[in-house]
Amino acid sequence: KQTCIGDLGSPIVAVDPFTNIHHLIGVLTRRFKCQQGINQYTELTRHLKWISDTIDNCHSIHANI
């Protein structure tokens, strides 16, 4: 599927062919032109510590939802 307006933040996943487990590996951070397949994704492995620290430090009142 091609990306377009409104797709920023969309996930990119890889499927392990042996286990059929889906792994989130990036999010769409820039779209150059609709229907041309030119996109830029942010690799999540570079931000795992920040993601983990942010989640650990989150004391949201909605945490029990």
Protein backbone atom coordinates (compact mmCIF):
# COMPACT_ATOMS: atom_id res chain seq x y z
CA LYS A 1 0.00 0.00 0.00
CA GLN A 2 1.24 3.46 -0.85
CA THR A 3 1.32 6.19 1.78
CA CYS A 4 -0.25 9.62 1.44
CA ILE A 5 -1.60 12.56 3.43
CA GLY A 6 -2.55 11.57 6.98
CA ASP A 7 -0.30 8.50 7.11
CA LEU A 8 2.54 10.00 9.16
CA GLY A 9 3.14 7.88 12.26
CA SER A 10 1.99 4.72 10.50
CA PRO A 11 3.90 1.57 11.43
CA ILE A 12 6.20 -0.51 9.29
CA VAL A 13 6.37 -4.13 10.36
CA ALA A 14 8.42 -7.17 9.48
CA VAL A 15 7.00 -10.67 9.74
CA ASP A 16 9.25 -13.47 10.97
CA PRO A 17 8.75 -16.20 8.34
CA PHE A 18 9.37 -18.97 10.87
CA THR A 19 7.11 -17.82 13.71
CA ASN A 20 4.71 -15.55 11.80
CA ILE A 21 5.24 -12.95 14.55
CA HIS A 22 4.91 -9.33 13.45
CA HIS A 23 7.64 -6.97 14.68
CA LEU A 24 7.25 -3.19 14.70
CA ILE A 25 10.49 -1.85 13.23
CA GLY A 26 9.69 1.75 12.33
CA VAL A 27 7.18 4.54 11.90
CA LEU A 28 6.56 6.75 8.89
CA THR A 29 8.19 10.13 9.53
CA ARG A 30 8.21 11.72 6.10
CA ARG A 31 6.25 11.29 2.91
CA PHE A 32 7.69 12.84 -0.24
CA LYS A 33 4.96 12.28 -2.85
CA CYS A 34 1.73 10.28 -2.78
CA GLN A 35 1.65 7.15 -4.92
CA GLN A 36 5.40 7.19 -5.65
CA GLY A 37 6.58 4.99 -2.78
CA ILE A 38 9.21 7.45 -1.59
CA ASN A 39 8.98 7.48 2.19
CA GLN A 40 11.22 7.95 5.20
CA TYR A 41 10.83 5.81 8.31
CA THR A 42 12.37 6.19 11.75
CA GLU A 43 14.02 3.00 12.96
CA LEU A 44 12.64 2.26 16.43
CA THR A 45 15.63 0.27 17.70
CA ARG A 46 17.57 3.53 17.93
CA HIS A 47 14.97 4.92 20.33
CA LEU A 48 14.16 1.89 22.52
CA LYS A 49 15.80 3.29 25.66
CA TRP A 50 13.86 6.56 25.35
CA ILE A 51 10.60 4.67 24.69
CA SER A 52 11.19 2.40 27.68
CA ASP A 53 12.17 5.29 29.99
CA THR A 54 9.14 7.31 28.89
CA ILE A 55 6.75 4.42 29.50
CA ASP A 56 8.35 3.64 32.88
CA ASN A 57 8.03 7.28 33.97
CA CYS A 58 4.44 7.65 32.85
CA HIS A 59 2.06 7.98 35.77
CA SER A 60 -1.09 8.67 33.81
CA ILE A 61 -4.46 8.75 35.54
CA HIS A 62 -5.65 6.66 32.59
CA ALA A 63 -3.13 3.88 33.18
CA ASN A 64 -5.81 1.49 34.48
CA ILE A 65 -8.05 1.74 31.43
